[in-house]
PDB file of N, CA and C in Angstrom:
ATOM      1  N   MET A   1      -6.643 -10.362  16.414  1.00  0.00           N
ATOM      2  CA  MET A   1      -7.850  -9.808  15.841  1.00  0.00           C
ATOM      3  C   MET A   1      -8.177  -8.507  16.548  1.00  0.00           C
ATOM      4  N   HIS A   2      -8.513  -7.494  15.769  1.00  0.00           N
ATOM      5  CA  HIS A   2      -8.931  -6.205  16.297  1.00  0.00           C
ATOM      6  C   HIS A   2     -10.288  -5.866  15.683  1.00  0.00           C
ATOM      7  N   LYS A   3     -11.283  -5.698  16.512  1.00  0.00           N
ATOM      8  CA  LYS A   3     -12.589  -5.269  16.028  1.00  0.00           C
ATOM      9  C   LYS A   3     -12.527  -3.763  15.832  1.00  0.00           C
ATOM     10  N   LEU A   4     -12.807  -3.311  14.607  1.00  0.00           N
ATOM     11  CA  LEU A   4     -12.772  -1.884  14.315  1.00  0.00           C
ATOM     12  C   LEU A   4     -14.101  -1.214  14.624  1.00  0.00           C
ATOM     13  N   CYS A   5     -15.203  -1.847  14.197  1.00  0.00           N
ATOM     14  CA  CYS A   5     -16.513  -1.243  14.422  1.00  0.00           C
ATOM     15  C   CYS A   5     -17.611  -2.206  13.995  1.00  0.00           C
ATOM     16  N   ASN A   6     -18.827  -1.825  14.296  1.00  0.00           N
ATOM     17  CA  ASN A   6     -20.024  -2.481  13.770  1.00  0.00           C
ATOM     18  C   ASN A   6     -20.639  -1.538  12.755  1.00  0.00           C
ATOM     19  N   VAL A   7     -21.307  -2.108  11.768  1.00  0.00           N
ATOM     20  CA  VAL A   7     -21.939  -1.280  10.741  1.00  0.00           C
ATOM     21  C   VAL A   7     -23.237  -1.951  10.308  1.00  0.00           C
ATOM     22  N   ASP A   8     -24.254  -1.138  10.067  1.00  0.00           N
ATOM     23  CA  ASP A   8     -25.543  -1.620   9.593  1.00  0.00           C
ATOM     24  C   ASP A   8     -25.467  -1.775   8.073  1.00  0.00           C
ATOM     25  N   VAL A   9     -25.668  -3.002   7.613  1.00  0.00           N
ATOM     26  CA  VAL A   9     -25.683  -3.289   6.176  1.00  0.00           C
ATOM     27  C   VAL A   9     -27.094  -3.755   5.827  1.00  0.00           C
ATOM     28  N   LEU A  10     -27.908  -2.818   5.399  1.00  0.00           N
ATOM     29  CA  LEU A  10     -29.284  -3.103   5.004  1.00  0.00           C
ATOM     30  C   LEU A  10     -30.053  -3.855   6.084  1.00  0.00           C
ATOM     31  N   GLY A  11     -29.856  -3.434   7.339  1.00  0.00           N
ATOM     32  CA  GLY A  11     -30.579  -4.012   8.458  1.00  0.00           C
ATOM     33  C   GLY A  11     -29.882  -5.170   9.143  1.00  0.00           C
ATOM     34  N   THR A  12     -28.741  -5.594   8.622  1.00  0.00           N
ATOM     35  CA  THR A  12     -27.959  -6.669   9.235  1.00  0.00           C
ATOM     36  C   THR A  12     -26.691  -6.066   9.806  1.00  0.00           C
ATOM     37  N   GLU A  13     -26.400  -6.376  11.067  1.00  0.00           N
ATOM     38  CA  GLU A  13     -25.197  -5.823  11.688  1.00  0.00           C
ATOM     39  C   GLU A  13     -23.975  -6.657  11.313  1.00  0.00           C
ATOM     40  N   TYR A  14     -23.010  -6.000  10.719  1.00  0.00           N
ATOM     41  CA  TYR A  14     -21.718  -6.604  10.374  1.00  0.00           C
ATOM     42  C   TYR A  14     -20.652  -6.021  11.287  1.00  0.00           C
ATOM     43  N   THR A  15     -19.640  -6.802  11.568  1.00  0.00           N
ATOM     44  CA  THR A  15     -18.456  -6.276  12.235  1.00  0.00           C
ATOM     45  C   THR A  15     -17.374  -6.084  11.182  1.00  0.00           C
ATOM     46  N   VAL A  16     -16.554  -5.084  11.401  1.00  0.00           N
ATOM     47  CA  VAL A  16     -15.377  -4.853  10.565  1.00  0.00           C
ATOM     48  C   VAL A  16     -14.180  -5.105  11.467  1.00  0.00           C
ATOM     49  N   GLU A  17     -13.329  -6.013  11.036  1.00  0.00           N
ATOM     50  CA  GLU A  17     -12.212  -6.458  11.868  1.00  0.00           C
ATOM     51  C   GLU A  17     -10.907  -6.398  11.089  1.00  0.00           C
ATOM     52  N   GLU A  18      -9.814  -6.283  11.844  1.00  0.00           N
ATOM     53  CA  GLU A  18      -8.468  -6.411  11.297  1.00  0.00           C
ATOM     54  C   GLU A  18      -7.862  -7.691  11.844  1.00  0.00           C
ATOM     55  N   HIS A  19      -7.279  -8.491  10.968  1.00  0.00           N
ATOM     56  CA  HIS A  19      -6.614  -9.727  11.390  1.00  0.00           C
ATOM     57  C   HIS A  19      -5.203  -9.751  10.830  1.00  0.00           C
ATOM     58  N   GLU A  20      -4.321 -10.422  11.536  1.00  0.00           N
ATOM     59  CA  GLU A  20      -2.996 -10.687  10.999  1.00  0.00           C
ATOM     60  C   GLU A  20      -3.082 -11.908  10.101  1.00  0.00           C
ATOM     61  N   ARG A  21      -2.289 -11.908   9.050  1.00  0.00           N
ATOM     62  CA  ARG A  21      -2.319 -13.021   8.099  1.00  0.00           C
ATOM     63  C   ARG A  21      -2.043 -14.349   8.803  1.00  0.00           C
ATOM     64  N   LYS A  22      -1.112 -14.341   9.750  1.00  0.00           N
ATOM     65  CA  LYS A  22      -0.732 -15.591  10.415  1.00  0.00           C
ATOM     66  C   LYS A  22      -1.848 -16.172  11.283  1.00  0.00           C
ATOM     67  N   GLU A  23      -2.843 -15.357  11.679  1.00  0.00           N
ATOM     68  CA  GLU A  23      -3.927 -15.854  12.516  1.00  0.00           C
ATOM     69  C   GLU A  23      -5.200 -16.173  11.735  1.00  0.00           C
ATOM     70  N   ASP A  24      -5.188 -15.943  10.421  1.00  0.00           N
ATOM     71  CA  ASP A  24      -6.407 -16.112   9.630  1.00  0.00           C
ATOM     72  C   ASP A  24      -6.039 -16.659   8.258  1.00  0.00           C
ATOM     73  N   GLU A  25      -6.254 -17.946   8.055  1.00  0.00           N
ATOM     74  CA  GLU A  25      -5.842 -18.575   6.795  1.00  0.00           C
ATOM     75  C   GLU A  25      -6.608 -18.044   5.589  1.00  0.00           C
ATOM     76  N   SER A  26      -7.746 -17.411   5.791  1.00  0.00           N
ATOM     77  CA  SER A  26      -8.487 -16.809   4.676  1.00  0.00           C
ATOM     78  C   SER A  26      -7.747 -15.625   4.074  1.00  0.00           C
ATOM     79  N   LEU A  27      -6.774 -15.109   4.790  1.00  0.00           N
ATOM     80  CA  LEU A  27      -5.986 -13.976   4.299  1.00  0.00           C
ATOM     81  C   LEU A  27      -4.675 -14.420   3.641  1.00  0.00           C
ATOM     82  N   GLU A  28      -4.519 -15.721   3.440  1.00  0.00           N
ATOM     83  CA  GLU A  28      -3.272 -16.224   2.871  1.00  0.00           C
ATOM     84  C   GLU A  28      -2.957 -15.585   1.517  1.00  0.00           C
ATOM     85  N   ASN A  29      -3.985 -15.423   0.678  1.00  0.00           N
ATOM     86  CA  ASN A  29      -3.789 -14.838  -0.650  1.00  0.00           C
ATOM     87  C   ASN A  29      -4.663 -13.613  -0.876  1.00  0.00           C
ATOM     88  N   ALA A  30      -5.034 -12.926   0.195  1.00  0.00           N
ATOM     89  CA  ALA A  30      -5.936 -11.783   0.064  1.00  0.00           C
ATOM     90  C   ALA A  30      -5.636 -10.746   1.138  1.00  0.00           C
ATOM     91  N   ASP A  31      -6.037  -9.517   0.865  1.00  0.00           N
ATOM     92  CA  ASP A  31      -5.901  -8.450   1.858  1.00  0.00           C
ATOM     93  C   ASP A  31      -7.193  -8.212   2.618  1.00  0.00           C
ATOM     94  N   GLY A  32      -8.248  -8.931   2.238  1.00  0.00           N
ATOM     95  CA  GLY A  32      -9.509  -8.816   2.950  1.00  0.00           C
ATOM     96  C   GLY A  32     -10.510  -9.818   2.424  1.00  0.00           C
ATOM     97  N   TYR A  33     -11.612  -9.963   3.164  1.00  0.00           N
ATOM     98  CA  TYR A  33     -12.711 -10.815   2.713  1.00  0.00           C
ATOM     99  C   TYR A  33     -13.973 -10.442   3.465  1.00  0.00           C
ATOM    100  N   CYS A  34     -15.081 -10.869   2.897  1.00  0.00           N
ATOM    101  CA  CYS A  34     -16.390 -10.690   3.520  1.00  0.00           C
ATOM    102  C   CYS A  34     -16.972 -12.071   3.747  1.00  0.00           C
ATOM    103  N   ASP A  35     -17.338 -12.366   4.988  1.00  0.00           N
ATOM    104  CA  ASP A  35     -17.989 -13.636   5.316  1.00  0.00           C
ATOM    105  C   ASP A  35     -19.427 -13.326   5.706  1.00  0.00           C
ATOM    106  N   HIS A  36     -20.340 -13.482   4.751  1.00  0.00           N
ATOM    107  CA  HIS A  36     -21.739 -13.150   5.032  1.00  0.00           C
ATOM    108  C   HIS A  36     -22.382 -14.129   6.003  1.00  0.00           C
ATOM    109  N   THR A  37     -21.806 -15.325   6.158  1.00  0.00           N
ATOM    110  CA  THR A  37     -22.374 -16.277   7.115  1.00  0.00           C
ATOM    111  C   THR A  37     -22.102 -15.863   8.556  1.00  0.00           C
ATOM    112  N   LEU A  38     -21.020 -15.123   8.760  1.00  0.00           N
ATOM    113  CA  LEU A  38     -20.685 -14.607  10.098  1.00  0.00           C
ATOM    114  C   LEU A  38     -20.935 -13.111  10.215  1.00  0.00           C
ATOM    115  N   CYS A  39     -21.412 -12.507   9.140  1.00  0.00           N
ATOM    116  CA  CYS A  39     -21.689 -11.060   9.103  1.00  0.00           C
ATOM    117  C   CYS A  39     -20.457 -10.261   9.530  1.00  0.00           C
ATOM    118  N   LYS A  40     -19.352 -10.510   8.818  1.00  0.00           N
ATOM    119  CA  LYS A  40     -18.153  -9.745   9.131  1.00  0.00           C
ATOM    120  C   LYS A  40     -17.340  -9.480   7.873  1.00  0.00           C
ATOM    121  N   CYS A  41     -16.670  -8.349   7.904  1.00  0.00           N
ATOM    122  CA  CYS A  41     -15.703  -7.977   6.886  1.00  0.00           C
ATOM    123  C   CYS A  41     -14.351  -7.898   7.575  1.00  0.00           C
ATOM    124  N   VAL A  42     -13.358  -8.500   6.959  1.00  0.00           N
ATOM    125  CA  VAL A  42     -12.033  -8.574   7.553  1.00  0.00           C
ATOM    126  C   VAL A  42     -11.024  -7.947   6.607  1.00  0.00           C
ATOM    127  N   VAL A  43     -10.137  -7.150   7.169  1.00  0.00           N
ATOM    128  CA  VAL A  43      -9.025  -6.581   6.420  1.00  0.00           C
ATOM    129  C   VAL A  43      -7.728  -7.027   7.100  1.00  0.00           C
ATOM    130  N   ARG A  44      -6.739  -7.315   6.282  1.00  0.00           N
ATOM    131  CA  ARG A  44      -5.456  -7.780   6.806  1.00  0.00           C
ATOM    132  C   ARG A  44      -4.668  -6.610   7.377  1.00  0.00           C
ATOM    133  N   ILE A  45      -4.044  -6.840   8.531  1.00  0.00           N
ATOM    134  CA  ILE A  45      -3.121  -5.854   9.099  1.00  0.00           C
ATOM    135  C   ILE A  45      -1.852  -5.904   8.267  1.00  0.00           C
ATOM    136  N   ILE A  46      -1.512  -4.783   7.676  1.00  0.00           N
ATOM    137  CA  ILE A  46      -0.311  -4.701   6.837  1.00  0.00           C
ATOM    138  C   ILE A  46       0.707  -3.833   7.552  1.00  0.00           C
ATOM    139  N   GLU A  47       1.824  -4.434   7.881  1.00  0.00           N
ATOM    140  CA  GLU A  47       2.904  -3.695   8.527  1.00  0.00           C
ATOM    141  C   GLU A  47       3.751  -3.024   7.452  1.00  0.00           C
ATOM    142  N   PRO A  48       4.084  -1.756   7.640  1.00  0.00           N
ATOM    143  CA  PRO A  48       4.900  -1.076   6.629  1.00  0.00           C
ATOM    144  C   PRO A  48       6.298  -1.693   6.535  1.00  0.00           C
ATOM    145  N   ASP A  49       6.756  -1.819   5.310  1.00  0.00           N
ATOM    146  CA  ASP A  49       8.128  -2.241   5.065  1.00  0.00           C
ATOM    147  C   ASP A  49       8.586  -1.614   3.748  1.00  0.00           C
ATOM    148  N   LYS A  50       9.755  -1.984   3.296  1.00  0.00           N
ATOM    149  CA  LYS A  50      10.317  -1.342   2.095  1.00  0.00           C
ATOM    150  C   LYS A  50       9.502  -1.649   0.841  1.00  0.00           C
ATOM    151  N   ASN A  51       8.703  -2.705   0.853  1.00  0.00           N
ATOM    152  CA  ASN A  51       7.905  -3.080  -0.310  1.00  0.00           C
ATOM    153  C   ASN A  51       6.450  -2.629  -0.220  1.00  0.00           C
ATOM    154  N   SER A  52       6.072  -1.983   0.886  1.00  0.00           N
ATOM    155  CA  SER A  52       4.661  -1.629   1.061  1.00  0.00           C
ATOM    156  C   SER A  52       4.326  -0.331   0.340  1.00  0.00           C
ATOM    157  N   LEU A  53       3.037  -0.132   0.192  1.00  0.00           N
ATOM    158  CA  LEU A  53       2.542   1.109  -0.402  1.00  0.00           C
ATOM    159  C   LEU A  53       2.883   2.280   0.498  1.00  0.00           C
ATOM    160  N   GLY A  54       2.959   3.457  -0.086  1.00  0.00           N
ATOM    161  CA  GLY A  54       3.298   4.646   0.683  1.00  0.00           C
ATOM    162  C   GLY A  54       2.212   5.069   1.657  1.00  0.00           C
ATOM    163  N   ASN A  55       0.952   4.864   1.289  1.00  0.00           N
ATOM    164  CA  ASN A  55      -0.157   5.279   2.140  1.00  0.00           C
ATOM    165  C   ASN A  55      -1.004   4.047   2.483  1.00  0.00           C
ATOM    166  N   LEU A  56      -0.565   3.306   3.480  1.00  0.00           N
ATOM    167  CA  LEU A  56      -1.261   2.082   3.866  1.00  0.00           C
ATOM    168  C   LEU A  56      -2.645   2.353   4.427  1.00  0.00           C
ATOM    169  N   GLU A  57      -2.831   3.491   5.072  1.00  0.00           N
ATOM    170  CA  GLU A  57      -4.146   3.826   5.637  1.00  0.00           C
ATOM    171  C   GLU A  57      -5.177   4.002   4.528  1.00  0.00           C
ATOM    172  N   ALA A  58      -4.802   4.680   3.450  1.00  0.00           N
ATOM    173  CA  ALA A  58      -5.717   4.847   2.316  1.00  0.00           C
ATOM    174  C   ALA A  58      -6.042   3.495   1.689  1.00  0.00           C
ATOM    175  N   TYR A  59      -5.044   2.627   1.579  1.00  0.00           N
ATOM    176  CA  TYR A  59      -5.266   1.299   1.011  1.00  0.00           C
ATOM    177  C   TYR A  59      -6.193   0.482   1.907  1.00  0.00           C
ATOM    178  N   LYS A  60      -5.993   0.539   3.219  1.00  0.00           N
ATOM    179  CA  LYS A  60      -6.851  -0.193   4.151  1.00  0.00           C
ATOM    180  C   LYS A  60      -8.302   0.265   4.007  1.00  0.00           C
ATOM    181  N   LYS A  61      -8.514   1.559   3.869  1.00  0.00           N
ATOM    182  CA  LYS A  61      -9.872   2.076   3.702  1.00  0.00           C
ATOM    183  C   LYS A  61     -10.508   1.552   2.416  1.00  0.00           C
ATOM    184  N   LYS A  62      -9.718   1.478   1.351  1.00  0.00           N
ATOM    185  CA  LYS A  62     -10.220   0.944   0.080  1.00  0.00           C
ATOM    186  C   LYS A  62     -10.603  -0.525   0.235  1.00  0.00           C
ATOM    187  N   VAL A  63      -9.792  -1.304   0.948  1.00  0.00           N
ATOM    188  CA  VAL A  63     -10.101  -2.717   1.161  1.00  0.00           C
ATOM    189  C   VAL A  63     -11.382  -2.855   1.986  1.00  0.00           C
ATOM    190  N   ILE A  64     -11.532  -2.034   3.007  1.00  0.00           N
ATOM    191  CA  ILE A  64     -12.763  -2.075   3.813  1.00  0.00           C
ATOM    192  C   ILE A  64     -13.969  -1.732   2.946  1.00  0.00           C
ATOM    193  N   ARG A  65     -13.858  -0.690   2.116  1.00  0.00           N
ATOM    194  CA  ARG A  65     -14.975  -0.348   1.217  1.00  0.00           C
ATOM    195  C   ARG A  65     -15.296  -1.530   0.309  1.00  0.00           C
ATOM    196  N   HIS A  66     -14.264  -2.157  -0.240  1.00  0.00           N
ATOM    197  CA  HIS A  66     -14.445  -3.297  -1.133  1.00  0.00           C
ATOM    198  C   HIS A  66     -15.241  -4.405  -0.440  1.00  0.00           C
ATOM    199  N   GLU A  67     -14.838  -4.754   0.764  1.00  0.00           N
ATOM    200  CA  GLU A  67     -15.516  -5.845   1.479  1.00  0.00           C
ATOM    201  C   GLU A  67     -16.926  -5.453   1.892  1.00  0.00           C
ATOM    202  N   LEU A  68     -17.129  -4.191   2.253  1.00  0.00           N
ATOM    203  CA  LEU A  68     -18.486  -3.737   2.591  1.00  0.00           C
ATOM    204  C   LEU A  68     -19.395  -3.751   1.369  1.00  0.00           C
ATOM    205  N   ILE A  69     -18.852  -3.459   0.202  1.00  0.00           N
ATOM    206  CA  ILE A  69     -19.661  -3.537  -1.018  1.00  0.00           C
ATOM    207  C   ILE A  69     -20.107  -4.973  -1.237  1.00  0.00           C
ATOM    208  N   HIS A  70     -19.207  -5.932  -1.015  1.00  0.00           N
ATOM    209  CA  HIS A  70     -19.623  -7.338  -1.070  1.00  0.00           C
ATOM    210  C   HIS A  70     -20.779  -7.588  -0.098  1.00  0.00           C
ATOM    211  N   ALA A  71     -20.673  -7.068   1.111  1.00  0.00           N
ATOM    212  CA  ALA A  71     -21.724  -7.272   2.113  1.00  0.00           C
ATOM    213  C   ALA A  71     -23.052  -6.680   1.639  1.00  0.00           C
ATOM    214  N   PHE A  72     -23.026  -5.461   1.121  1.00  0.00           N
ATOM    215  CA  PHE A  72     -24.258  -4.821   0.650  1.00  0.00           C
ATOM    216  C   PHE A  72     -24.889  -5.611  -0.496  1.00  0.00           C
ATOM    217  N   LEU A  73     -24.070  -6.065  -1.425  1.00  0.00           N
ATOM    218  CA  LEU A  73     -24.613  -6.828  -2.548  1.00  0.00           C
ATOM    219  C   LEU A  73     -25.166  -8.173  -2.091  1.00  0.00           C
ATOM    220  N   THR A  74     -24.488  -8.809  -1.144  1.00  0.00           N
ATOM    221  CA  THR A  74     -24.982 -10.078  -0.602  1.00  0.00           C
ATOM    222  C   THR A  74     -26.303  -9.869   0.134  1.00  0.00           C
ATOM    223  N   GLU A  75     -26.359  -8.841   0.983  1.00  0.00           N
ATOM    224  CA  GLU A  75     -27.598  -8.573   1.728  1.00  0.00           C
ATOM    225  C   GLU A  75     -28.729  -8.137   0.808  1.00  0.00           C
ATOM    226  N   SER A  76     -28.404  -7.722  -0.407  1.00  0.00           N
ATOM    227  CA  SER A  76     -29.417  -7.390  -1.412  1.00  0.00           C
ATOM    228  C   SER A  76     -29.868  -8.616  -2.189  1.00  0.00           C
ATOM    229  N   GLY A  77     -29.212  -9.757  -1.941  1.00  0.00           N
ATOM    230  CA  GLY A  77     -29.559 -10.983  -2.639  1.00  0.00           C
ATOM    231  C   GLY A  77     -28.892 -11.127  -3.994  1.00  0.00           C
ATOM    232  N   LEU A  78     -27.920 -10.292  -4.285  1.00  0.00           N
ATOM    233  CA  LEU A  78     -27.305 -10.290  -5.608  1.00  0.00           C
ATOM    234  C   LEU A  78     -26.077 -11.188  -5.722  1.00  0.00           C
ATOM    235  N   ASN A  79     -25.600 -11.717  -4.613  1.00  0.00           N
ATOM    236  CA  ASN A  79     -24.392 -12.534  -4.675  1.00  0.00           C
ATOM    237  C   ASN A  79     -24.601 -13.839  -5.436  1.00  0.00           C
ATOM    238  N   CYS A  80     -25.823 -14.311  -5.542  1.00  0.00           N
ATOM    239  CA  CYS A  80     -26.108 -15.560  -6.256  1.00  0.00           C
ATOM    240  C   CYS A  80     -26.780 -15.321  -7.601  1.00  0.00           C
ATOM    241  N   GLU A  81     -27.427 -14.195  -7.729  1.00  0.00           N
ATOM    242  CA  GLU A  81     -28.306 -13.989  -8.873  1.00  0.00           C
ATOM    243  C   GLU A  81     -27.743 -13.103  -9.975  1.00  0.00           C
ATOM    244  N   ALA A  82     -26.695 -12.344  -9.684  1.00  0.00           N
ATOM    245  CA  ALA A  82     -26.186 -11.399 -10.676  1.00  0.00           C
ATOM    246  C   ALA A  82     -24.675 -11.556 -10.808  1.00  0.00           C
ATOM    247  N   GLU A  83     -24.236 -11.978 -11.971  1.00  0.00           N
ATOM    248  CA  GLU A  83     -22.811 -12.215 -12.184  1.00  0.00           C
ATOM    249  C   GLU A  83     -21.979 -10.955 -11.931  1.00  0.00           C
ATOM    250  N   TRP A  84     -22.489  -9.790 -12.340  1.00  0.00           N
ATOM    251  CA  TRP A  84     -21.727  -8.550 -12.149  1.00  0.00           C
ATOM    252  C   TRP A  84     -21.491  -8.260 -10.670  1.00  0.00           C
ATOM    253  N   ALA A  85     -22.392  -8.723  -9.803  1.00  0.00           N
ATOM    254  CA  ALA A  85     -22.308  -8.403  -8.380  1.00  0.00           C
ATOM    255  C   ALA A  85     -21.201  -9.164  -7.667  1.00  0.00           C
ATOM    256  N   THR A  86     -20.649 -10.170  -8.301  1.00  0.00           N
ATOM    257  CA  THR A  86     -19.528 -10.899  -7.710  1.00  0.00           C
ATOM    258  C   THR A  86     -18.243 -10.683  -8.504  1.00  0.00           C
ATOM    259  N   ASN A  87     -18.302  -9.832  -9.504  1.00  0.00           N
ATOM    260  CA  ASN A  87     -17.138  -9.539 -10.336  1.00  0.00           C
ATOM    261  C   ASN A  87     -16.182  -8.631  -9.563  1.00  0.00           C
ATOM    262  N   GLU A  88     -14.988  -9.115  -9.298  1.00  0.00           N
ATOM    263  CA  GLU A  88     -14.025  -8.363  -8.489  1.00  0.00           C
ATOM    264  C   GLU A  88     -13.628  -7.031  -9.128  1.00  0.00           C
ATOM    265  N   GLU A  89     -13.603  -6.965 -10.456  1.00  0.00           N
ATOM    266  CA  GLU A  89     -13.297  -5.689 -11.119  1.00  0.00           C
ATOM    267  C   GLU A  89     -14.386  -4.660 -10.832  1.00  0.00           C
ATOM    268  N   MET A  90     -15.633  -5.095 -10.873  1.00  0.00           N
ATOM    269  CA  MET A  90     -16.747  -4.186 -10.590  1.00  0.00           C
ATOM    270  C   MET A  90     -16.702  -3.724  -9.133  1.00  0.00           C
ATOM    271  N   ILE A  91     -16.461  -4.658  -8.221  1.00  0.00           N
ATOM    272  CA  ILE A  91     -16.387  -4.307  -6.802  1.00  0.00           C
ATOM    273  C   ILE A  91     -15.248  -3.321  -6.571  1.00  0.00           C
ATOM    274  N   ASP A  92     -14.091  -3.579  -7.178  1.00  0.00           N
ATOM    275  CA  ASP A  92     -12.958  -2.655  -7.034  1.00  0.00           C
ATOM    276  C   ASP A  92     -13.275  -1.285  -7.610  1.00  0.00           C
ATOM    277  N   TRP A  93     -13.962  -1.246  -8.752  1.00  0.00           N
ATOM    278  CA  TRP A  93     -14.300   0.048  -9.351  1.00  0.00           C
ATOM    279  C   TRP A  93     -15.144   0.864  -8.380  1.00  0.00           C
ATOM    280  N   ILE A  94     -16.158   0.231  -7.805  1.00  0.00           N
ATOM    281  CA  ILE A  94     -17.013   0.943  -6.849  1.00  0.00           C
ATOM    282  C   ILE A  94     -16.192   1.383  -5.641  1.00  0.00           C
ATOM    283  N   ALA A  95     -15.343   0.502  -5.114  1.00  0.00           N
ATOM    284  CA  ALA A  95     -14.536   0.827  -3.928  1.00  0.00           C
ATOM    285  C   ALA A  95     -13.590   1.993  -4.195  1.00  0.00           C
ATOM    286  N   TYR A  96     -12.956   1.997  -5.378  1.00  0.00           N
ATOM    287  CA  TYR A  96     -12.030   3.089  -5.711  1.00  0.00           C
ATOM    288  C   TYR A  96     -12.772   4.395  -5.980  1.00  0.00           C
ATOM    289  N   GLN A  97     -13.900   4.318  -6.651  1.00  0.00           N
ATOM    290  CA  GLN A  97     -14.575   5.531  -7.110  1.00  0.00           C
ATOM    291  C   GLN A  97     -15.580   6.097  -6.106  1.00  0.00           C
ATOM    292  N   PHE A  98     -15.965   5.330  -5.098  1.00  0.00           N
ATOM    293  CA  PHE A  98     -16.993   5.809  -4.177  1.00  0.00           C
ATOM    294  C   PHE A  98     -16.666   7.161  -3.534  1.00  0.00           C
ATOM    295  N   PRO A  99     -15.440   7.414  -3.052  1.00  0.00           N
ATOM    296  CA  PRO A  99     -15.176   8.736  -2.473  1.00  0.00           C
ATOM    297  C   PRO A  99     -15.402   9.872  -3.476  1.00  0.00           C
ATOM    298  N   LYS A 100     -15.064   9.644  -4.735  1.00  0.00           N
ATOM    299  CA  LYS A 100     -15.279  10.660  -5.772  1.00  0.00           C
ATOM    300  C   LYS A 100     -16.764  10.819  -6.070  1.00  0.00           C
ATOM    301  N   LEU A 101     -17.490   9.701  -6.094  1.00  0.00           N
ATOM    302  CA  LEU A 101     -18.928   9.757  -6.302  1.00  0.00           C
ATOM    303  C   LEU A 101     -19.606  10.517  -5.163  1.00  0.00           C
ATOM    304  N   LEU A 102     -19.224  10.196  -3.927  1.00  0.00           N
ATOM    305  CA  LEU A 102     -19.799  10.877  -2.773  1.00  0.00           C
ATOM    306  C   LEU A 102     -19.526  12.375  -2.830  1.00  0.00           C
ATOM    307  N   LYS A 103     -18.301  12.748  -3.172  1.00  0.00           N
ATOM    308  CA  LYS A 103     -17.954  14.170  -3.272  1.00  0.00           C
ATOM    309  C   LYS A 103     -18.811  14.869  -4.334  1.00  0.00           C
ATOM    310  N   ALA A 104     -18.954  14.252  -5.496  1.00  0.00           N
ATOM    311  CA  ALA A 104     -19.759  14.857  -6.570  1.00  0.00           C
ATOM    312  C   ALA A 104     -21.223  14.956  -6.181  1.00  0.00           C
ATOM    313  N   PHE A 105     -21.775  13.889  -5.606  1.00  0.00           N
ATOM    314  CA  PHE A 105     -23.173  13.904  -5.200  1.00  0.00           C
ATOM    315  C   PHE A 105     -23.418  14.957  -4.126  1.00  0.00           C
ATOM    316  N   THR A 106     -22.483  15.076  -3.184  1.00  0.00           N
ATOM    317  CA  THR A 106     -22.608  16.076  -2.121  1.00  0.00           C
ATOM    318  C   THR A 106     -22.527  17.477  -2.719  1.00  0.00           C
ATOM    319  N   GLN A 107     -21.596  17.671  -3.645  1.00  0.00           N
ATOM    320  CA  GLN A 107     -21.382  18.983  -4.255  1.00  0.00           C
ATOM    321  C   GLN A 107     -22.628  19.492  -4.965  1.00  0.00           C
ATOM    322  N   VAL A 108     -23.393  18.590  -5.564  1.00  0.00           N
ATOM    323  CA  VAL A 108     -24.589  19.028  -6.294  1.00  0.00           C
ATOM    324  C   VAL A 108     -25.865  18.896  -5.459  1.00  0.00           C
ATOM    325  N   GLY A 109     -25.715  18.555  -4.169  1.00  0.00           N
ATOM    326  CA  GLY A 109     -26.872  18.469  -3.294  1.00  0.00           C
ATOM    327  C   GLY A 109     -27.721  17.235  -3.521  1.00  0.00           C
ATOM    328  N   ALA A 110     -27.108  16.171  -4.031  1.00  0.00           N
ATOM    329  CA  ALA A 110     -27.860  14.960  -4.304  1.00  0.00           C
ATOM    330  C   ALA A 110     -27.802  13.955  -3.171  1.00  0.00           C
ATOM    331  N   ILE A 111     -27.247  14.348  -2.036  1.00  0.00           N
ATOM    332  CA  ILE A 111     -27.198  13.460  -0.876  1.00  0.00           C
ATOM    333  C   ILE A 111     -28.122  14.021   0.199  1.00  0.00           C
TER     334      ILE A 111
END
């Protein structure tokens, strides 16, 4: 386990960690997860090999964004009350598009 950082999620401190699949059974079929009961987001350590993506660092960042979005929605109380807030397609869309959204908002002075 490698602790990457702490982050404030709507007033709750979460840790962001990297785990190896062999040390964390929650990563058996996933590249990351958010455990709101422990206030942590975990991303799997992916070792490069012939079958891996070309830019693993970019992928890791996307997985971290994805899990943090889960944390923000949970801390907002939406994990139980809004079906869209637990929809993995919606979470992925936000995780993939957030850098583009941030760039556009910054460009027009909306941040």
